[in-house]
Structures are given as C-alpha cells and as structure tokens.
N, C-alpha and C. Protein backbone atom coordinates (compact mmCIF):
# COMPACT_ATOMS: atom_id res chain seq x y z
N UNK A 1 -1.58 10.21 -10.55
CA UNK A 1 -1.19 9.60 -9.29
C UNK A 1 -1.04 10.64 -8.18
N UNK A 2 -0.66 11.84 -8.58
CA UNK A 2 -0.50 12.90 -7.59
C UNK A 2 -1.80 13.21 -6.88
N UNK A 3 -2.90 13.25 -7.63
CA UNK A 3 -4.22 13.53 -7.03
C UNK A 3 -4.60 12.43 -6.05
N UNK A 4 -4.36 11.18 -6.41
CA UNK A 4 -4.67 10.06 -5.53
C UNK A 4 -3.84 10.14 -4.25
N UNK A 5 -2.57 10.48 -4.41
CA UNK A 5 -1.68 10.60 -3.24
C UNK A 5 -2.21 11.68 -2.30
N UNK A 6 -2.60 12.81 -2.85
CA UNK A 6 -3.13 13.90 -2.02
C UNK A 6 -4.42 13.48 -1.30
N UNK A 7 -5.29 12.78 -2.00
CA UNK A 7 -6.54 12.30 -1.38
C UNK A 7 -6.26 11.32 -0.26
N UNK A 8 -5.31 10.42 -0.48
CA UNK A 8 -4.95 9.46 0.56
C UNK A 8 -4.35 10.15 1.78
N UNK A 9 -3.52 11.18 1.55
CA UNK A 9 -2.94 11.92 2.68
C UNK A 9 -4.06 12.55 3.51
N UNK A 10 -5.03 13.15 2.84
CA UNK A 10 -6.15 13.76 3.54
C UNK A 10 -6.97 12.71 4.28
N UNK A 11 -7.16 11.57 3.65
CA UNK A 11 -7.95 10.51 4.27
C UNK A 11 -7.23 9.95 5.50
N UNK A 12 -5.94 9.79 5.42
CA UNK A 12 -5.16 9.32 6.58
C UNK A 12 -5.27 10.33 7.71
N UNK A 13 -5.14 11.61 7.38
CA UNK A 13 -5.24 12.66 8.39
C UNK A 13 -6.62 12.67 9.05
N UNK A 14 -7.67 12.59 8.25
CA UNK A 14 -9.03 12.57 8.80
C UNK A 14 -9.27 11.31 9.63
N UNK A 15 -8.71 10.20 9.20
CA UNK A 15 -8.86 8.95 9.96
C UNK A 15 -8.18 9.07 11.32
N UNK A 16 -7.04 9.73 11.35
CA UNK A 16 -6.36 9.95 12.64
C UNK A 16 -7.20 10.84 13.54
N UNK A 17 -7.78 11.89 12.96
CA UNK A 17 -8.66 12.76 13.74
C UNK A 17 -9.86 11.99 14.28
N UNK A 18 -10.40 11.10 13.46
CA UNK A 18 -11.55 10.31 13.87
C UNK A 18 -11.17 9.37 15.02
N UNK A 19 -10.02 8.75 14.92
CA UNK A 19 -9.55 7.87 15.99
C UNK A 19 -9.35 8.66 17.29
N UNK A 20 -8.79 9.83 17.18
CA UNK A 20 -8.62 10.71 18.35
C UNK A 20 -9.98 11.09 18.93
N UNK A 21 -10.93 11.36 18.06
CA UNK A 21 -12.29 11.70 18.49
C UNK A 21 -12.91 10.53 19.26
N UNK A 22 -12.67 9.32 18.80
CA UNK A 22 -13.21 8.15 19.47
C UNK A 22 -12.61 8.01 20.87
N UNK A 23 -11.34 8.33 20.99
CA UNK A 23 -10.69 8.27 22.30
C UNK A 23 -11.26 9.35 23.22
N UNK A 24 -11.53 10.54 22.64
CA UNK A 24 -12.12 11.61 23.43
C UNK A 24 -13.51 11.22 23.93
N UNK A 25 -14.25 10.50 23.09
CA UNK A 25 -15.57 10.02 23.51
C UNK A 25 -15.43 9.11 24.73
N UNK A 26 -14.45 8.23 24.67
CA UNK A 26 -14.22 7.30 25.78
C UNK A 26 -13.91 8.05 27.07
N UNK A 27 -13.08 9.10 26.97
CA UNK A 27 -12.74 9.90 28.14
C UNK A 27 -13.98 10.60 28.68
N UNK A 28 -14.77 11.17 27.77
CA UNK A 28 -16.00 11.87 28.18
C UNK A 28 -16.95 10.92 28.90
N UNK A 29 -17.06 9.71 28.40
CA UNK A 29 -17.93 8.73 29.03
C UNK A 29 -17.42 8.35 30.42
N UNK A 30 -16.10 8.16 30.54
CA UNK A 30 -15.53 7.78 31.83
C UNK A 30 -15.72 8.90 32.86
N UNK A 31 -15.66 10.15 32.40
CA UNK A 31 -15.79 11.29 33.30
C UNK A 31 -17.25 11.73 33.48
N UNK A 32 -18.15 11.05 32.77
CA UNK A 32 -19.57 11.40 32.81
C UNK A 32 -19.78 12.87 32.43
N UNK A 33 -19.01 13.33 31.44
CA UNK A 33 -19.05 14.72 30.98
C UNK A 33 -19.97 14.81 29.76
N UNK A 34 -21.24 15.06 30.01
CA UNK A 34 -22.26 15.07 28.95
C UNK A 34 -21.99 16.17 27.92
N UNK A 35 -21.57 17.35 28.36
CA UNK A 35 -21.30 18.46 27.44
C UNK A 35 -20.18 18.12 26.47
N UNK A 36 -19.11 17.57 27.01
CA UNK A 36 -17.97 17.18 26.18
C UNK A 36 -18.36 16.04 25.24
N UNK A 37 -19.18 15.14 25.72
CA UNK A 37 -19.62 14.02 24.90
C UNK A 37 -20.43 14.51 23.70
N UNK A 38 -21.34 15.44 23.94
CA UNK A 38 -22.16 15.97 22.84
C UNK A 38 -21.29 16.69 21.82
N UNK A 39 -20.33 17.48 22.32
CA UNK A 39 -19.41 18.18 21.41
C UNK A 39 -18.58 17.20 20.59
N UNK A 40 -18.10 16.16 21.25
CA UNK A 40 -17.29 15.13 20.58
C UNK A 40 -18.10 14.42 19.50
N UNK A 41 -19.34 14.07 19.80
CA UNK A 41 -20.18 13.37 18.82
C UNK A 41 -20.56 14.29 17.66
N UNK A 42 -20.73 15.57 17.93
CA UNK A 42 -21.01 16.53 16.86
C UNK A 42 -19.81 16.65 15.94
N UNK A 43 -18.62 16.74 16.53
CA UNK A 43 -17.39 16.79 15.73
C UNK A 43 -17.24 15.52 14.91
N UNK A 44 -17.58 14.38 15.50
CA UNK A 44 -17.46 13.12 14.79
C UNK A 44 -18.38 13.09 13.57
N UNK A 45 -19.57 13.61 13.73
CA UNK A 45 -20.51 13.65 12.61
C UNK A 45 -19.91 14.41 11.43
N UNK A 46 -19.28 15.55 11.73
CA UNK A 46 -18.65 16.34 10.67
C UNK A 46 -17.47 15.59 10.05
N UNK A 47 -16.67 14.95 10.90
CA UNK A 47 -15.53 14.19 10.41
C UNK A 47 -15.99 13.05 9.50
N UNK A 48 -17.05 12.37 9.90
CA UNK A 48 -17.55 11.25 9.09
C UNK A 48 -18.08 11.73 7.74
N UNK A 49 -18.73 12.88 7.73
CA UNK A 49 -19.22 13.44 6.46
C UNK A 49 -18.06 13.78 5.54
N UNK A 50 -17.02 14.40 6.10
CA UNK A 50 -15.84 14.74 5.30
C UNK A 50 -15.15 13.48 4.78
N UNK A 51 -15.02 12.50 5.66
CA UNK A 51 -14.35 11.27 5.29
C UNK A 51 -15.13 10.53 4.20
N UNK A 52 -16.43 10.51 4.32
CA UNK A 52 -17.27 9.85 3.32
C UNK A 52 -17.11 10.50 1.95
N UNK A 53 -17.17 11.83 1.92
CA UNK A 53 -17.00 12.55 0.65
C UNK A 53 -15.61 12.32 0.07
N UNK A 54 -14.62 12.32 0.93
CA UNK A 54 -13.24 12.11 0.48
C UNK A 54 -13.06 10.71 -0.09
N UNK A 55 -13.66 9.72 0.54
CA UNK A 55 -13.54 8.33 0.05
C UNK A 55 -14.21 8.17 -1.30
N UNK A 56 -15.36 8.80 -1.47
CA UNK A 56 -16.03 8.74 -2.77
C UNK A 56 -15.15 9.35 -3.86
N UNK A 57 -14.54 10.49 -3.55
CA UNK A 57 -13.65 11.15 -4.51
C UNK A 57 -12.44 10.27 -4.81
N UNK A 58 -11.90 9.61 -3.77
CA UNK A 58 -10.74 8.72 -3.97
C UNK A 58 -11.11 7.54 -4.86
N UNK A 59 -12.30 6.97 -4.66
CA UNK A 59 -12.74 5.85 -5.48
C UNK A 59 -12.86 6.28 -6.95
N UNK A 60 -13.43 7.45 -7.17
CA UNK A 60 -13.55 7.96 -8.54
C UNK A 60 -12.18 8.17 -9.17
N UNK A 61 -11.27 8.74 -8.40
CA UNK A 61 -9.91 8.98 -8.90
C UNK A 61 -9.20 7.67 -9.19
N UNK A 62 -9.38 6.69 -8.34
CA UNK A 62 -8.77 5.38 -8.54
C UNK A 62 -9.29 4.72 -9.81
N UNK A 63 -10.60 4.86 -10.07
CA UNK A 63 -11.17 4.29 -11.29
C UNK A 63 -10.59 4.96 -12.52
N UNK A 64 -10.38 6.27 -12.46
CA UNK A 64 -9.79 6.98 -13.60
C UNK A 64 -8.37 6.50 -13.86
N UNK A 65 -7.62 6.29 -12.77
CA UNK A 65 -6.25 5.81 -12.92
C UNK A 65 -6.24 4.39 -13.48
N UNK A 66 -7.19 3.57 -13.06
CA UNK A 66 -7.27 2.19 -13.54
C UNK A 66 -7.56 2.14 -15.04
N UNK A 67 -8.23 3.17 -15.55
CA UNK A 67 -8.55 3.22 -16.98
C UNK A 67 -7.38 3.68 -17.83
N UNK A 68 -6.32 4.19 -17.20
CA UNK A 68 -5.14 4.63 -17.94
C UNK A 68 -4.35 3.42 -18.42
N UNK A 69 -3.59 3.59 -19.50
CA UNK A 69 -2.74 2.47 -19.94
C UNK A 69 -1.74 2.10 -18.86
N UNK A 70 -1.45 0.80 -18.71
CA UNK A 70 -0.52 0.37 -17.66
C UNK A 70 0.89 0.92 -17.90
N UNK A 71 1.57 1.17 -16.80
CA UNK A 71 2.94 1.65 -16.86
C UNK A 71 3.84 0.64 -16.18
N UNK A 72 4.97 0.38 -16.79
CA UNK A 72 5.91 -0.60 -16.23
C UNK A 72 6.84 0.01 -15.19
N UNK A 73 6.82 1.33 -15.08
CA UNK A 73 7.74 1.97 -14.16
C UNK A 73 7.10 2.10 -12.78
N UNK A 74 7.93 1.95 -11.78
CA UNK A 74 7.49 2.12 -10.39
C UNK A 74 8.06 3.45 -9.92
N UNK A 75 7.21 4.45 -9.83
CA UNK A 75 7.70 5.77 -9.45
C UNK A 75 7.49 6.04 -7.96
N UNK A 76 8.00 7.17 -7.53
CA UNK A 76 7.93 7.55 -6.12
C UNK A 76 6.48 7.69 -5.67
N UNK A 77 5.62 8.25 -6.55
CA UNK A 77 4.21 8.39 -6.20
C UNK A 77 3.57 7.03 -5.91
N UNK A 78 3.89 6.04 -6.72
CA UNK A 78 3.31 4.70 -6.53
C UNK A 78 3.73 4.12 -5.18
N UNK A 79 4.98 4.32 -4.82
CA UNK A 79 5.48 3.81 -3.54
C UNK A 79 4.81 4.55 -2.39
N UNK A 80 4.68 5.86 -2.53
CA UNK A 80 4.04 6.66 -1.48
C UNK A 80 2.56 6.30 -1.35
N UNK A 81 1.90 6.05 -2.47
CA UNK A 81 0.50 5.65 -2.45
C UNK A 81 0.34 4.32 -1.72
N UNK A 82 1.22 3.39 -1.98
CA UNK A 82 1.18 2.09 -1.29
C UNK A 82 1.38 2.27 0.22
N UNK A 83 2.30 3.14 0.59
CA UNK A 83 2.55 3.40 2.00
C UNK A 83 1.33 4.05 2.66
N UNK A 84 0.74 5.03 1.99
CA UNK A 84 -0.45 5.69 2.53
C UNK A 84 -1.61 4.70 2.65
N UNK A 85 -1.73 3.83 1.67
CA UNK A 85 -2.76 2.79 1.71
C UNK A 85 -2.58 1.89 2.94
N UNK A 86 -1.34 1.52 3.21
CA UNK A 86 -1.04 0.71 4.39
C UNK A 86 -1.40 1.44 5.68
N UNK A 87 -1.06 2.73 5.74
CA UNK A 87 -1.40 3.53 6.92
C UNK A 87 -2.91 3.59 7.12
N UNK A 88 -3.61 3.80 6.02
CA UNK A 88 -5.07 3.89 6.08
C UNK A 88 -5.68 2.58 6.55
N UNK A 89 -5.16 1.48 6.05
CA UNK A 89 -5.64 0.16 6.47
C UNK A 89 -5.40 -0.06 7.96
N UNK A 90 -4.23 0.34 8.44
CA UNK A 90 -3.91 0.20 9.85
C UNK A 90 -4.83 1.05 10.72
N UNK A 91 -5.07 2.29 10.30
CA UNK A 91 -5.97 3.17 11.05
C UNK A 91 -7.39 2.62 11.07
N UNK A 92 -7.84 2.09 9.95
CA UNK A 92 -9.19 1.52 9.87
C UNK A 92 -9.31 0.32 10.81
N UNK A 93 -8.27 -0.50 10.86
CA UNK A 93 -8.26 -1.64 11.77
C UNK A 93 -8.33 -1.18 13.22
N UNK A 94 -7.56 -0.14 13.55
CA UNK A 94 -7.58 0.39 14.92
C UNK A 94 -8.94 0.95 15.28
N UNK A 95 -9.57 1.65 14.34
CA UNK A 95 -10.91 2.20 14.61
C UNK A 95 -11.93 1.09 14.81
N UNK A 96 -11.81 0.04 14.02
CA UNK A 96 -12.72 -1.10 14.15
C UNK A 96 -12.55 -1.74 15.52
N UNK A 97 -11.32 -1.87 15.97
CA UNK A 97 -11.05 -2.43 17.29
C UNK A 97 -11.65 -1.56 18.39
N UNK A 98 -11.59 -0.25 18.21
CA UNK A 98 -12.15 0.68 19.20
C UNK A 98 -13.67 0.51 19.31
N UNK A 99 -14.30 0.15 18.21
CA UNK A 99 -15.75 0.03 18.19
C UNK A 99 -16.24 -1.28 18.78
N UNK A 100 -15.35 -2.28 18.87
CA UNK A 100 -15.78 -3.58 19.40
C UNK A 100 -15.35 -3.78 20.82
C-alpha cells in the first residue's frame, strides 16, 4: 500500500502542475505571447508523458495489491489512499472542465 500511496502522491502533484500549465496556456493566449505559449505546450508534453508513465505504474501496482489476500483492517495507508484518490478525481474533473 505504501508504493500505491507514493504513486498517487506523485500523480496528484503532476496533475496540479498540469492544471497550472493549462492556466498558463490561457494567459499566453490572452496576451498573444507566442514564445510563452510554445514553452508552455512543450512543458505540457513532458508533463503528460510523465503522468502517463506514472498512471501505468499505478495501475500495475493496484493490480498487484488486488491479488493480495483481503485484509479486514482499515489502516492509515488505506485512508490516505482514498483521500489521494479523491484529490486526483477532483483534479481530473477540473482539468476536464478547463478543456471544455
């Protein structure tokens, strides 16, 4: 569970960076700043690559955890993972709204 928690923390952080990047794109467009726009989109490309790799790793880790025998105890890691999952879902929703 510790590995999953760490992956989720990284994914939440990258998602926040991506959302910030999207806002920077909006500012660059409003200011007609082509140089800043190109830099922002280049950064976004790198962020998306990192996020994609991280999500694949998280899915693999989640599958490994699912294959473990069930545990009846609710530990701190499980609660933190649920919280991080909620944060990630909220960030994803905000990013989707930014795109529409």
